[in-house]
C-alpha atoms as a PDB file:
ATOM      1  CA  MET A   1      -6.748   0.946  16.764  1.00  0.00           C
ATOM      2  CA  ALA A   2      -5.858   3.180  13.859  1.00  0.00           C
ATOM      3  CA  MET A   3      -3.828   6.275  14.649  1.00  0.00           C
ATOM      4  CA  ASP A   4      -5.798   9.222  16.031  1.00  0.00           C
ATOM      5  CA  ILE A   5      -5.716  11.593  13.068  1.00  0.00           C
ATOM      6  CA  THR A   6      -8.299  14.149  14.167  1.00  0.00           C
ATOM      7  CA  ASN A   7      -5.634  16.872  14.327  1.00  0.00           C
ATOM      8  CA  TYR A   8      -3.042  16.329  11.618  1.00  0.00           C
ATOM      9  CA  GLU A   9      -0.971  19.350  12.681  1.00  0.00           C
ATOM     10  CA  GLN A  10      -0.055  17.426  15.866  1.00  0.00           C
ATOM     11  CA  ILE A  11       1.118  14.410  13.865  1.00  0.00           C
ATOM     12  CA  ILE A  12       2.908  16.118  10.968  1.00  0.00           C
ATOM     13  CA  ASN A  13       4.904  19.002  12.400  1.00  0.00           C
ATOM     14  CA  GLY A  14       8.444  20.341  12.744  1.00  0.00           C
ATOM     15  CA  GLU A  15      11.059  18.570  10.637  1.00  0.00           C
ATOM     16  CA  LEU A  16       8.510  15.934   9.608  1.00  0.00           C
ATOM     17  CA  LYS A  17       6.244  18.690   8.238  1.00  0.00           C
ATOM     18  CA  GLU A  18       9.167  19.950   6.134  1.00  0.00           C
ATOM     19  CA  ARG A  19       9.690  16.463   4.711  1.00  0.00           C
ATOM     20  CA  PHE A  20       6.013  16.087   3.879  1.00  0.00           C
ATOM     21  CA  GLU A  21       6.022  19.527   2.255  1.00  0.00           C
ATOM     22  CA  GLU A  22       8.936  18.475   0.082  1.00  0.00           C
ATOM     23  CA  PHE A  23       7.132  15.285  -0.900  1.00  0.00           C
ATOM     24  CA  LYS A  24       3.974  17.269  -1.716  1.00  0.00           C
ATOM     25  CA  ASN A  25       5.966  19.576  -3.999  1.00  0.00           C
ATOM     26  CA  ILE A  26       7.553  16.647  -5.844  1.00  0.00           C
ATOM     27  CA  LEU A  27       4.144  15.000  -6.220  1.00  0.00           C
ATOM     28  CA  LEU A  28       2.566  18.131  -7.695  1.00  0.00           C
ATOM     29  CA  PHE A  29       5.512  18.791 -10.023  1.00  0.00           C
ATOM     30  CA  TYR A  30       5.377  15.294 -11.522  1.00  0.00           C
ATOM     31  CA  ASN A  31       1.582  15.266 -11.470  1.00  0.00           C
ATOM     32  CA  ASN A  32       1.612  17.835 -14.240  1.00  0.00           C
ATOM     33  CA  LYS A  33       3.441  15.322 -16.432  1.00  0.00           C
ATOM     34  CA  PHE A  34       2.201  11.918 -15.317  1.00  0.00           C
ATOM     35  CA  ASN A  35      -1.307  12.468 -13.888  1.00  0.00           C
ATOM     36  CA  LEU A  36      -0.554  10.822 -10.545  1.00  0.00           C
ATOM     37  CA  THR A  37      -3.490  12.167  -8.549  1.00  0.00           C
ATOM     38  CA  ALA A  38      -6.684  14.156  -9.019  1.00  0.00           C
ATOM     39  CA  ILE A  39      -6.212  15.607  -5.533  1.00  0.00           C
ATOM     40  CA  THR A  40      -4.165  18.812  -5.796  1.00  0.00           C
ATOM     41  CA  ASP A  41      -5.484  21.070  -3.019  1.00  0.00           C
ATOM     42  CA  GLU A  42      -2.852  21.251  -0.245  1.00  0.00           C
ATOM     43  CA  LYS A  43      -5.223  20.515   2.641  1.00  0.00           C
ATOM     44  CA  ASP A  44      -6.821  17.656   0.702  1.00  0.00           C
ATOM     45  CA  ILE A  45      -3.389  16.172  -0.038  1.00  0.00           C
ATOM     46  CA  TYR A  46      -2.575  16.177   3.660  1.00  0.00           C
ATOM     47  CA  ILE A  47      -5.898  14.697   4.723  1.00  0.00           C
ATOM     48  CA  LYS A  48      -6.863  12.364   1.860  1.00  0.00           C
ATOM     49  CA  HIS A  49      -3.357  11.143   1.065  1.00  0.00           C
ATOM     50  CA  PHE A  50      -0.873  11.717   3.867  1.00  0.00           C
ATOM     51  CA  LEU A  51      -3.111  11.211   6.900  1.00  0.00           C
ATOM     52  CA  ASP A  52      -4.908   8.278   5.343  1.00  0.00           C
ATOM     53  CA  CYS A  53      -1.582   6.567   4.670  1.00  0.00           C
ATOM     54  CA  VAL A  54      -0.068   7.022   8.136  1.00  0.00           C
ATOM     55  CA  SER A  55      -3.292   5.879   9.822  1.00  0.00           C
ATOM     56  CA  GLY A  56      -2.154   2.275   9.386  1.00  0.00           C
ATOM     57  CA  ASP A  57       1.133   2.843  11.207  1.00  0.00           C
ATOM     58  CA  MET A  58       0.460   0.449  14.119  1.00  0.00           C
ATOM     59  CA  PHE A  59      -0.151  -2.523  11.825  1.00  0.00           C
ATOM     60  CA  PHE A  60       3.410  -2.306  10.479  1.00  0.00           C
ATOM     61  CA  ASP A  61       5.669  -3.917  13.088  1.00  0.00           C
ATOM     62  CA  LYS A  62       9.110  -2.457  13.732  1.00  0.00           C
ATOM     63  CA  CYS A  63      11.746  -2.974  11.026  1.00  0.00           C
ATOM     64  CA  VAL A  64       9.552  -5.088   8.747  1.00  0.00           C
ATOM     65  CA  SER A  65      10.102  -5.475   5.005  1.00  0.00           C
ATOM     66  CA  VAL A  66       7.153  -4.132   3.010  1.00  0.00           C
ATOM     67  CA  VAL A  67       6.229  -4.628  -0.635  1.00  0.00           C
ATOM     68  CA  GLU A  68       3.703  -2.199  -2.086  1.00  0.00           C
ATOM     69  CA  ILE A  69       1.627  -3.171  -5.111  1.00  0.00           C
ATOM     70  CA  GLY A  70       0.586  -0.503  -7.617  1.00  0.00           C
ATOM     71  CA  SER A  71       2.630   2.231  -5.958  1.00  0.00           C
ATOM     72  CA  GLY A  72       1.490   5.000  -8.331  1.00  0.00           C
ATOM     73  CA  GLY A  73       1.907   8.255  -6.407  1.00  0.00           C
ATOM     74  CA  GLY A  74       3.726   6.493  -3.569  1.00  0.00           C
ATOM     75  CA  PHE A  75       0.783   5.808  -1.268  1.00  0.00           C
ATOM     76  CA  PRO A  76       0.871   4.559   1.440  1.00  0.00           C
ATOM     77  CA  SER A  77       4.602   3.813   1.187  1.00  0.00           C
ATOM     78  CA  VAL A  78       6.208   7.270   1.131  1.00  0.00           C
ATOM     79  CA  PRO A  79       4.191   8.848   3.969  1.00  0.00           C
ATOM     80  CA  LEU A  80       4.795   5.722   6.064  1.00  0.00           C
ATOM     81  CA  LYS A  81       8.519   5.827   5.299  1.00  0.00           C
ATOM     82  CA  LEU A  82       8.718   9.509   6.255  1.00  0.00           C
ATOM     83  CA  LEU A  83       7.020   8.687   9.548  1.00  0.00           C
ATOM     84  CA  ARG A  84       8.792   5.341  10.107  1.00  0.00           C
ATOM     85  CA  ASP A  85      12.351   5.210   8.837  1.00  0.00           C
ATOM     86  CA  ASP A  86      12.720   1.699  10.317  1.00  0.00           C
ATOM     87  CA  LEU A  87      10.554   0.272   7.531  1.00  0.00           C
ATOM     88  CA  SER A  88      12.074  -0.988   4.271  1.00  0.00           C
ATOM     89  CA  PHE A  89      10.034  -0.833   1.063  1.00  0.00           C
ATOM     90  CA  THR A  90       9.919  -2.408  -2.369  1.00  0.00           C
ATOM     91  CA  LEU A  91       7.645  -0.291  -4.558  1.00  0.00           C
ATOM     92  CA  VAL A  92       6.087  -2.269  -7.408  1.00  0.00           C
ATOM     93  CA  GLU A  93       4.685  -0.260 -10.314  1.00  0.00           C
ATOM     94  CA  SER A  94       3.943  -1.490 -13.833  1.00  0.00           C
ATOM     95  CA  THR A  95       3.993   1.940 -15.532  1.00  0.00           C
ATOM     96  CA  GLY A  96       7.470   3.131 -16.468  1.00  0.00           C
ATOM     97  CA  LYS A  97       6.746   6.857 -16.128  1.00  0.00           C
ATOM     98  CA  LYS A  98       5.395   6.386 -12.626  1.00  0.00           C
ATOM     99  CA  CYS A  99       8.547   4.448 -11.763  1.00  0.00           C
ATOM    100  CA  GLU A 100      10.555   7.443 -12.977  1.00  0.00           C
ATOM    101  CA  TYR A 101       8.600   9.632 -10.560  1.00  0.00           C
ATOM    102  CA  LEU A 102       8.994   7.166  -7.673  1.00  0.00           C
ATOM    103  CA  LYS A 103      12.752   6.984  -8.212  1.00  0.00           C
ATOM    104  CA  ALA A 104      12.879  10.788  -8.147  1.00  0.00           C
ATOM    105  CA  VAL A 105      11.011  10.771  -4.829  1.00  0.00           C
ATOM    106  CA  VAL A 106      13.430   8.240  -3.353  1.00  0.00           C
ATOM    107  CA  ASP A 107      16.408  10.251  -4.613  1.00  0.00           C
ATOM    108  CA  LYS A 108      15.220  13.738  -3.656  1.00  0.00           C
ATOM    109  CA  LEU A 109      13.956  12.710  -0.212  1.00  0.00           C
ATOM    110  CA  LYS A 110      17.054  10.535   0.337  1.00  0.00           C
ATOM    111  CA  LEU A 111      14.987   7.536   1.401  1.00  0.00           C
ATOM    112  CA  ASP A 112      17.121   4.618   2.572  1.00  0.00           C
ATOM    113  CA  CYS A 113      16.057   1.005   2.082  1.00  0.00           C
ATOM    114  CA  VAL A 114      13.509   1.841  -0.614  1.00  0.00           C
ATOM    115  CA  GLN A 115      13.708   0.284  -4.080  1.00  0.00           C
ATOM    116  CA  VAL A 116      11.467   0.723  -7.100  1.00  0.00           C
ATOM    117  CA  VAL A 117      10.632  -2.264  -9.292  1.00  0.00           C
ATOM    118  CA  ASN A 118       9.041  -1.793 -12.705  1.00  0.00           C
ATOM    119  CA  ALA A 119       6.966  -4.976 -12.978  1.00  0.00           C
ATOM    120  CA  ARG A 120       3.515  -6.468 -12.677  1.00  0.00           C
ATOM    121  CA  ALA A 121       2.511  -7.952  -9.344  1.00  0.00           C
ATOM    122  CA  GLU A 122       1.456 -11.258 -10.877  1.00  0.00           C
ATOM    123  CA  GLU A 123       4.964 -11.643 -12.364  1.00  0.00           C
ATOM    124  CA  LEU A 124       6.716 -11.012  -9.053  1.00  0.00           C
ATOM    125  CA  GLY A 125       4.370 -13.364  -7.243  1.00  0.00           C
ATOM    126  CA  ARG A 126       5.795 -16.253  -9.265  1.00  0.00           C
ATOM    127  CA  ASP A 127       9.413 -15.085  -9.038  1.00  0.00           C
ATOM    128  CA  LYS A 128      11.419 -16.958  -6.367  1.00  0.00           C
ATOM    129  CA  LYS A 129      13.341 -13.770  -5.611  1.00  0.00           C
ATOM    130  CA  TYR A 130      10.123 -12.126  -4.370  1.00  0.00           C
ATOM    131  CA  ARG A 131       7.586 -14.880  -3.631  1.00  0.00           C
ATOM    132  CA  GLU A 132       6.845 -15.158   0.105  1.00  0.00           C
ATOM    133  CA  LYS A 133       9.824 -12.924   0.943  1.00  0.00           C
ATOM    134  CA  PHE A 134       8.085  -9.975   2.639  1.00  0.00           C
ATOM    135  CA  ASP A 135       6.721  -9.377   6.119  1.00  0.00           C
ATOM    136  CA  VAL A 136       3.954  -7.135   4.759  1.00  0.00           C
ATOM    137  CA  CYS A 137       2.310  -6.473   1.415  1.00  0.00           C
ATOM    138  CA  THR A 138       0.206  -3.340   1.153  1.00  0.00           C
ATOM    139  CA  ALA A 139      -1.857  -1.574  -1.499  1.00  0.00           C
ATOM    140  CA  ARG A 140      -4.181   1.396  -1.801  1.00  0.00           C
ATOM    141  CA  ALA A 141      -6.725   2.101  -4.560  1.00  0.00           C
ATOM    142  CA  VAL A 142      -5.585  -0.752  -6.812  1.00  0.00           C
ATOM    143  CA  ALA A 143      -8.349  -3.362  -7.180  1.00  0.00           C
ATOM    144  CA  ARG A 144     -11.201  -5.119  -5.404  1.00  0.00           C
ATOM    145  CA  LEU A 145     -10.088  -7.255  -2.491  1.00  0.00           C
ATOM    146  CA  ASN A 146     -10.486 -10.671  -4.098  1.00  0.00           C
ATOM    147  CA  THR A 147      -8.298  -9.566  -7.020  1.00  0.00           C
ATOM    148  CA  LEU A 148      -5.897  -7.676  -4.778  1.00  0.00           C
ATOM    149  CA  ALA A 149      -5.440 -10.672  -2.504  1.00  0.00           C
ATOM    150  CA  GLU A 150      -4.183 -12.745  -5.426  1.00  0.00           C
ATOM    151  CA  TYR A 151      -1.643 -10.049  -6.258  1.00  0.00           C
ATOM    152  CA  CYS A 152      -0.503  -9.561  -2.672  1.00  0.00           C
ATOM    153  CA  LEU A 153      -0.691 -12.732  -0.571  1.00  0.00           C
ATOM    154  CA  PRO A 154       1.783 -14.749  -2.723  1.00  0.00           C
ATOM    155  CA  LEU A 155       4.433 -12.163  -1.816  1.00  0.00           C
ATOM    156  CA  VAL A 156       3.902 -12.432   1.956  1.00  0.00           C
ATOM    157  CA  LYS A 157       5.793 -14.768   4.277  1.00  0.00           C
ATOM    158  CA  VAL A 158       3.775 -17.158   6.423  1.00  0.00           C
ATOM    159  CA  GLY A 159       3.097 -15.186   9.592  1.00  0.00           C
ATOM    160  CA  GLY A 160       3.154 -11.865   7.729  1.00  0.00           C
ATOM    161  CA  ARG A 161       0.320  -9.532   6.773  1.00  0.00           C
ATOM    162  CA  PHE A 162      -1.530  -8.229   3.756  1.00  0.00           C
ATOM    163  CA  ILE A 163      -2.827  -4.718   4.553  1.00  0.00           C
ATOM    164  CA  ALA A 164      -5.297  -3.078   2.172  1.00  0.00           C
ATOM    165  CA  TYR A 165      -6.384   0.550   2.425  1.00  0.00           C
ATOM    166  CA  LYS A 166     -10.072   0.793   1.531  1.00  0.00           C
ATOM    167  CA  GLY A 167     -13.181   2.940   1.806  1.00  0.00           C
ATOM    168  CA  ASN A 168     -16.497   1.252   2.592  1.00  0.00           C
ATOM    169  CA  CYS A 169     -15.368  -2.345   2.354  1.00  0.00           C
ATOM    170  CA  ASP A 170     -17.863  -4.702   4.015  1.00  0.00           C
ATOM    171  CA  GLU A 171     -19.160  -6.086   0.714  1.00  0.00           C
ATOM    172  CA  GLU A 172     -15.628  -6.532  -0.658  1.00  0.00           C
ATOM    173  CA  VAL A 173     -14.486  -8.351   2.485  1.00  0.00           C
ATOM    174  CA  GLU A 174     -17.354 -10.840   2.281  1.00  0.00           C
ATOM    175  CA  GLU A 175     -16.649 -11.310  -1.417  1.00  0.00           C
ATOM    176  CA  ALA A 176     -12.946 -11.955  -0.735  1.00  0.00           C
ATOM    177  CA  LYS A 177     -13.084 -14.389   2.193  1.00  0.00           C
ATOM    178  CA  LYS A 178     -12.848 -17.448  -0.061  1.00  0.00           C
ATOM    179  CA  ALA A 179      -9.893 -15.891  -1.884  1.00  0.00           C
ATOM    180  CA  PHE A 180      -8.125 -15.231   1.429  1.00  0.00           C
ATOM    181  CA  ASP A 181      -8.538 -18.885   2.383  1.00  0.00           C
ATOM    182  CA  ILE A 182      -7.420 -20.274  -0.990  1.00  0.00           C
ATOM    183  CA  LEU A 183      -4.337 -18.047  -0.994  1.00  0.00           C
ATOM    184  CA  GLY A 184      -3.282 -18.873   2.569  1.00  0.00           C
ATOM    185  CA  GLY A 185      -4.730 -15.858   4.349  1.00  0.00           C
ATOM    186  CA  GLU A 186      -7.072 -15.352   7.280  1.00  0.00           C
ATOM    187  CA  LEU A 187      -8.937 -12.129   8.025  1.00  0.00           C
ATOM    188  CA  GLU A 188      -7.353 -10.648  11.160  1.00  0.00           C
ATOM    189  CA  ARG A 189      -9.379  -7.462  11.509  1.00  0.00           C
ATOM    190  CA  ILE A 190     -11.070  -4.542   9.803  1.00  0.00           C
ATOM    191  CA  GLU A 191     -10.052  -1.220  11.321  1.00  0.00           C
ATOM    192  CA  LYS A 192     -12.515   1.522  10.424  1.00  0.00           C
ATOM    193  CA  TYR A 193     -11.720   5.192  10.924  1.00  0.00           C
ATOM    194  CA  GLU A 194     -12.810   8.633   9.799  1.00  0.00           C
ATOM    195  CA  LEU A 195     -10.644  11.293   8.206  1.00  0.00           C
ATOM    196  CA  PRO A 196     -10.957  14.883   9.503  1.00  0.00           C
ATOM    197  CA  ASN A 197     -13.065  15.725   6.429  1.00  0.00           C
ATOM    198  CA  GLY A 198     -15.648  13.102   7.425  1.00  0.00           C
ATOM    199  CA  GLU A 199     -14.602  10.493   4.845  1.00  0.00           C
ATOM    200  CA  ASN A 200     -14.973   6.905   6.050  1.00  0.00           C
ATOM    201  CA  ARG A 201     -11.948   4.702   5.542  1.00  0.00           C
ATOM    202  CA  ALA A 202     -10.887   1.187   6.529  1.00  0.00           C
ATOM    203  CA  LEU A 203      -7.811  -0.981   6.843  1.00  0.00           C
ATOM    204  CA  VAL A 204      -8.339  -4.628   5.965  1.00  0.00           C
ATOM    205  CA  VAL A 205      -5.673  -6.709   7.722  1.00  0.00           C
ATOM    206  CA  VAL A 206      -5.165 -10.309   6.577  1.00  0.00           C
ATOM    207  CA  ARG A 207      -2.713 -12.644   8.301  1.00  0.00           C
ATOM    208  CA  LYS A 208      -0.793 -15.158   6.142  1.00  0.00           C
ATOM    209  CA  VAL A 209      -1.315 -18.486   7.925  1.00  0.00           C
ATOM    210  CA  LYS A 210      -0.146 -20.983   5.293  1.00  0.00           C
ATOM    211  CA  HIS A 211       1.800 -21.098   2.052  1.00  0.00           C
ATOM    212  CA  THR A 212       0.080 -19.918  -1.124  1.00  0.00           C
ATOM    213  CA  PRO A 213      -0.469 -22.809  -3.583  1.00  0.00           C
ATOM    214  CA  GLU A 214       2.017 -22.694  -6.464  1.00  0.00           C
ATOM    215  CA  LYS A 215      -0.677 -22.069  -9.108  1.00  0.00           C
ATOM    216  CA  TYR A 216      -1.318 -18.558  -7.725  1.00  0.00           C
ATOM    217  CA  PRO A 217      -1.138 -15.862  -8.930  1.00  0.00           C
ATOM    218  CA  ARG A 218      -2.559 -17.247 -12.163  1.00  0.00           C
ATOM    219  CA  GLY A 219      -1.351 -14.431 -14.457  1.00  0.00           C
ATOM    220  CA  GLN A 220      -2.599 -13.473 -17.932  1.00  0.00           C
ATOM    221  CA  GLY A 221      -5.086 -11.056 -16.363  1.00  0.00           C
ATOM    222  CA  LYS A 222      -7.130 -13.822 -14.714  1.00  0.00           C
ATOM    223  CA  GLU A 223      -6.876 -12.095 -11.328  1.00  0.00           C
ATOM    224  CA  ARG A 224      -9.119  -9.297 -12.644  1.00  0.00           C
ATOM    225  CA  LYS A 225     -11.123 -11.126 -15.326  1.00  0.00           C
ATOM    226  CA  CYS A 226     -11.976 -14.157 -13.198  1.00  0.00           C
ATOM    227  CA  PRO A 227     -11.414 -13.219  -9.543  1.00  0.00           C
ATOM    228  CA  LEU A 228     -11.557 -15.901  -6.877  1.00  0.00           C
ATOM    229  CA  ILE A 229     -15.062 -16.001  -5.399  1.00  0.00           C
END
């Protein structure tokens, strides 16, 4: 089950609250320059960003290596790292200015075992240095599931997981089942939960059960223009 997040003050408190406050301040400072998020109210940041991100905690096994696609503001990676220092992260972001922000977050929060890579997911998925090297690939608010699967599953080891943070996702999951199969994945579970503000959210967990065929990801924008269906 997803973490019980009905009372976020019980989850994010003490020294952890101080760390999250520092992250919030960095996010808002850089948001003025780079337009990282439309959510700027403090309570909304905690609920819609921080709590949503840490809700998937139990699906990240201890000490796993995680690659995050389309890191943007650092979600879910940074909140998860603040909560779980045992996790190691590779943050993949194609926009240089957002990479500048992410590197500042890593530096100012002194996050160990976190690296920022300025690249496109479809490029890394074909790079032997990254292909099928990670225990988990995660993403939040990046693309529809069938497109996202082609970005993410090539980076996951057989036996690992692709974890997507979504809202109402039933239609997307049905749409993506063929893509999961083609890319070597198998739907493990859909964990639905509700944020304290009443917003419905879901974690789509896909287990990597076989190697991704070499032709994927296809590149040249085909993942979005002609998604696997």
